[in-house]
């Protein structure tokens, strides 16, 4: 039986060892670069750049979503333009669910028929939002909003301290928005004015 060759005598083995060592060094260098980049991203962007979510981050995201849906729902509800009511009515329907969704759908045509002859245009602007309660399936949000309405009935109104727009009526509303979590996310299930 022949004796094994001394690796030092075989230049091919030396070249293979050097090649393996080069690949290992390359992999280690790549790992170090990735770790440095991740550390820099976390340092600059904070924990939100990590690929996982902490319970506190999940709760904050849920609060943000509930707040956004309540704001969007109130703004959609107050958005009236007699010249183009279909997308406005559809926006309220899409963000609504349950009894409120059914009730709004039932009166949507009446809203359109009232807006057209009066040439009503209404816009709302959210001033404050506060979450009163939030659970896994239901939430209650308070939304303060200012509204500006122009119509054939407001044409004679002058600017004032309470309404800086000529030919408009300005109002301040406070709404209690009830939300329900559906398979499509949070939706407005009730909308009520509060004093």
Protein backbone atom coordinates (compact mmCIF):
# COMPACT_ATOMS: atom_id res chain seq x y z
CA UNK A 1 0.00 0.00 0.00
CA UNK A 2 1.40 3.38 -0.99
CA UNK A 3 2.03 5.90 1.71
CA UNK A 4 -0.08 9.10 1.67
CA UNK A 5 1.63 12.04 0.13
CA UNK A 6 2.78 14.81 2.38
CA UNK A 7 0.40 17.78 1.86
CA UNK A 8 3.39 20.09 1.79
CA UNK A 9 4.64 18.17 -1.26
CA UNK A 10 1.32 18.56 -3.10
CA UNK A 11 0.92 22.13 -4.48
CA UNK A 12 -2.72 21.37 -5.45
CA UNK A 13 -3.71 20.80 -1.79
CA UNK A 14 -2.08 24.08 -0.80
CA UNK A 15 -3.96 25.93 -3.51
CA UNK A 16 -7.27 24.32 -2.40
CA UNK A 17 -6.60 25.30 1.23
CA UNK A 18 -5.84 28.90 0.21
CA UNK A 19 -9.00 28.99 -1.94
CA UNK A 20 -11.12 27.66 0.97
CA UNK A 21 -9.59 30.19 3.31
CA UNK A 22 -10.37 32.98 0.81
CA UNK A 23 -14.04 31.90 0.60
CA UNK A 24 -14.32 31.76 4.40
CA UNK A 25 -12.79 35.22 4.69
CA UNK A 26 -15.20 36.55 2.05
CA UNK A 27 -18.22 35.08 3.87
CA UNK A 28 -17.00 36.46 7.21
CA UNK A 29 -16.43 39.88 5.67
CA UNK A 30 -19.96 39.85 4.18
CA UNK A 31 -21.46 38.89 7.56
CA UNK A 32 -19.56 41.70 9.28
CA UNK A 33 -20.75 44.22 6.66
CA UNK A 34 -24.37 43.08 7.07
CA UNK A 35 -24.15 43.36 10.86
CA UNK A 36 -22.62 46.84 10.63
CA UNK A 37 -25.35 47.98 8.22
CA UNK A 38 -28.11 46.56 10.48
CA UNK A 39 -26.58 48.20 13.55
CA UNK A 40 -26.40 51.54 11.72
CA UNK A 41 -30.01 51.20 10.52
CA UNK A 42 -31.24 50.49 14.06
CA UNK A 43 -29.14 53.35 15.44
CA UNK A 44 -30.51 55.80 12.85
CA UNK A 45 -34.06 54.51 12.38
CA UNK A 46 -34.75 53.04 15.80
CA UNK A 47 -36.57 49.81 16.54
CA UNK A 48 -39.15 50.35 13.79
CA UNK A 49 -36.64 49.16 11.17
CA UNK A 50 -36.32 45.74 12.77
CA UNK A 51 -38.10 42.88 10.98
CA UNK A 52 -40.26 42.09 14.02
CA UNK A 53 -42.80 44.05 16.03
CA UNK A 54 -42.86 44.43 19.78
CA UNK A 55 -46.22 44.41 21.60
CA UNK A 56 -45.89 48.15 22.24
CA UNK A 57 -45.26 48.80 18.53
CA UNK A 58 -48.25 46.62 17.57
CA UNK A 59 -50.49 48.54 20.01
CA UNK A 60 -49.22 51.88 18.67
CA UNK A 61 -49.91 50.77 15.09
CA UNK A 62 -53.45 49.70 16.08
CA UNK A 63 -54.05 53.11 17.73
CA UNK A 64 -52.77 54.88 14.60
CA UNK A 65 -55.06 52.81 12.36
CA UNK A 66 -58.13 53.42 14.56
CA UNK A 67 -57.38 57.15 14.67
CA UNK A 68 -56.90 57.34 10.89
CA UNK A 69 -60.13 55.46 10.11
CA UNK A 70 -62.14 57.68 12.48
CA UNK A 71 -60.68 60.84 10.90
CA UNK A 72 -61.25 59.55 7.37
CA UNK A 73 -64.82 58.51 8.22
CA UNK A 74 -65.79 61.90 9.62
CA UNK A 75 -64.16 63.78 6.75
CA UNK A 76 -65.88 61.53 4.20
CA UNK A 77 -69.22 62.04 5.95
CA UNK A 78 -68.88 65.84 5.87
CA UNK A 79 -67.55 65.95 2.28
CA UNK A 80 -70.39 67.10 0.04
CA UNK A 81 -70.16 68.54 -3.46
CA UNK A 82 -73.43 68.72 -5.37
CA UNK A 83 -71.53 68.59 -8.69
CA UNK A 84 -70.05 65.13 -8.03
CA UNK A 85 -71.73 63.18 -5.23
CA UNK A 86 -71.12 59.58 -6.37
CA UNK A 87 -67.47 59.23 -5.24
CA UNK A 88 -68.27 60.99 -1.95
CA UNK A 89 -71.17 58.67 -1.17
CA UNK A 90 -69.04 55.68 -2.16
CA UNK A 91 -66.23 56.80 0.16
CA UNK A 92 -68.58 56.81 3.16
CA UNK A 93 -69.99 53.40 2.19
CA UNK A 94 -66.51 51.88 1.87
CA UNK A 95 -65.39 53.03 5.31
CA UNK A 96 -68.68 52.00 7.02
CA UNK A 97 -70.05 48.75 8.36
CA UNK A 98 -72.97 47.36 10.36
CA UNK A 99 -76.04 49.42 11.18
CA UNK A 100 -74.41 52.73 10.27
CA UNK A 101 -73.39 51.39 6.85
CA UNK A 102 -76.94 50.20 6.18
CA UNK A 103 -78.52 53.44 7.41
CA UNK A 104 -76.17 55.60 5.34
CA UNK A 105 -76.81 53.51 2.22
CA UNK A 106 -80.56 53.93 2.79
CA UNK A 107 -80.34 57.76 2.97
CA UNK A 108 -77.54 58.34 0.43
CA UNK A 109 -79.97 59.19 -2.36
CA UNK A 110 -81.78 61.67 -0.10
CA UNK A 111 -78.45 63.35 0.65
CA UNK A 112 -77.75 63.64 -3.07
CA UNK A 113 -81.25 65.01 -3.78
CA UNK A 114 -80.90 67.62 -1.02
CA UNK A 115 -77.41 68.74 -2.10
CA UNK A 116 -78.12 69.30 -5.80
CA UNK A 117 -80.86 71.96 -5.73
CA UNK A 118 -79.20 73.79 -2.81
CA UNK A 119 -75.81 73.64 -4.61
CA UNK A 120 -74.20 72.50 -1.37
CA UNK A 121 -70.45 72.16 -0.99
CA UNK A 122 -69.12 71.11 2.41
CA UNK A 123 -65.59 70.41 3.63
CA UNK A 124 -64.39 69.36 7.04
CA UNK A 125 -61.03 69.69 8.74
CA UNK A 126 -60.09 67.56 11.73
CA UNK A 127 -58.86 69.61 14.68
CA UNK A 128 -58.42 66.98 17.41
CA UNK A 129 -58.79 63.24 17.85
CA UNK A 130 -58.90 61.24 21.06
CA UNK A 131 -59.31 57.51 21.49
CA UNK A 132 -61.81 56.86 24.28
CA UNK A 133 -61.66 53.05 24.20
CA UNK A 134 -60.03 50.37 22.09
CA UNK A 135 -60.33 46.62 22.18
CA UNK A 136 -59.64 43.75 19.84
CA UNK A 137 -62.91 44.19 17.91
CA UNK A 138 -64.36 47.59 18.90
CA UNK A 139 -63.13 51.13 19.43
CA UNK A 140 -64.62 54.50 20.30
CA UNK A 141 -62.95 57.68 19.07
CA UNK A 142 -63.85 61.33 19.66
CA UNK A 143 -63.22 63.61 16.68
CA UNK A 144 -63.42 67.41 16.73
CA UNK A 145 -63.83 68.89 13.28
CA UNK A 146 -64.50 72.29 11.74
CA UNK A 147 -66.74 72.48 8.71
CA UNK A 148 -67.26 75.11 6.01
CA UNK A 149 -70.49 74.92 3.99
CA UNK A 150 -71.47 76.97 0.98
CA UNK A 151 -74.86 76.72 -0.68
CA UNK A 152 -77.55 78.83 -2.29
CA UNK A 153 -78.79 79.52 1.27
CA UNK A 154 -75.44 80.88 2.50
CA UNK A 155 -74.68 83.14 -0.49
CA UNK A 156 -75.67 86.32 1.40
CA UNK A 157 -73.57 85.62 4.50
CA UNK A 158 -70.65 87.97 5.14
CA UNK A 159 -67.27 87.25 6.65
CA UNK A 160 -67.22 87.32 10.42
CA UNK A 161 -65.03 86.52 13.38
CA UNK A 162 -66.60 83.07 13.59
CA UNK A 163 -66.46 82.41 9.83
CA UNK A 164 -63.76 84.14 7.78
CA UNK A 165 -65.31 83.07 4.44
CA UNK A 166 -67.66 85.14 2.31
CA UNK A 167 -70.91 83.32 1.47
CA UNK A 168 -70.27 80.40 3.82
CA UNK A 169 -71.41 78.96 7.13
CA UNK A 170 -68.73 77.66 9.51
CA UNK A 171 -69.55 75.07 12.13
CA UNK A 172 -67.67 73.16 14.81
CA UNK A 173 -68.67 69.56 15.37
CA UNK A 174 -67.70 66.94 17.89
CA UNK A 175 -68.37 63.35 16.88
CA UNK A 176 -68.29 60.09 18.77
CA UNK A 177 -67.17 57.52 16.20
CA UNK A 178 -67.71 53.85 16.97
CA UNK A 179 -65.52 51.46 15.01
CA UNK A 180 -65.71 47.72 14.45
CA UNK A 181 -62.87 45.52 13.25
CA UNK A 182 -63.85 43.57 10.13
CA UNK A 183 -61.93 41.23 7.84
CA UNK A 184 -61.06 44.36 5.83
CA UNK A 185 -59.78 46.27 8.86
CA UNK A 186 -61.40 48.93 11.04
CA UNK A 187 -64.68 50.39 9.78
CA UNK A 188 -67.07 53.04 11.11
CA UNK A 189 -70.07 51.35 12.77
CA UNK A 190 -71.71 54.44 14.27
CA UNK A 191 -71.40 58.21 14.11
CA UNK A 192 -73.05 60.48 16.66
CA UNK A 193 -72.75 64.16 17.44
CA UNK A 194 -71.74 65.07 20.99
CA UNK A 195 -72.00 68.33 22.93
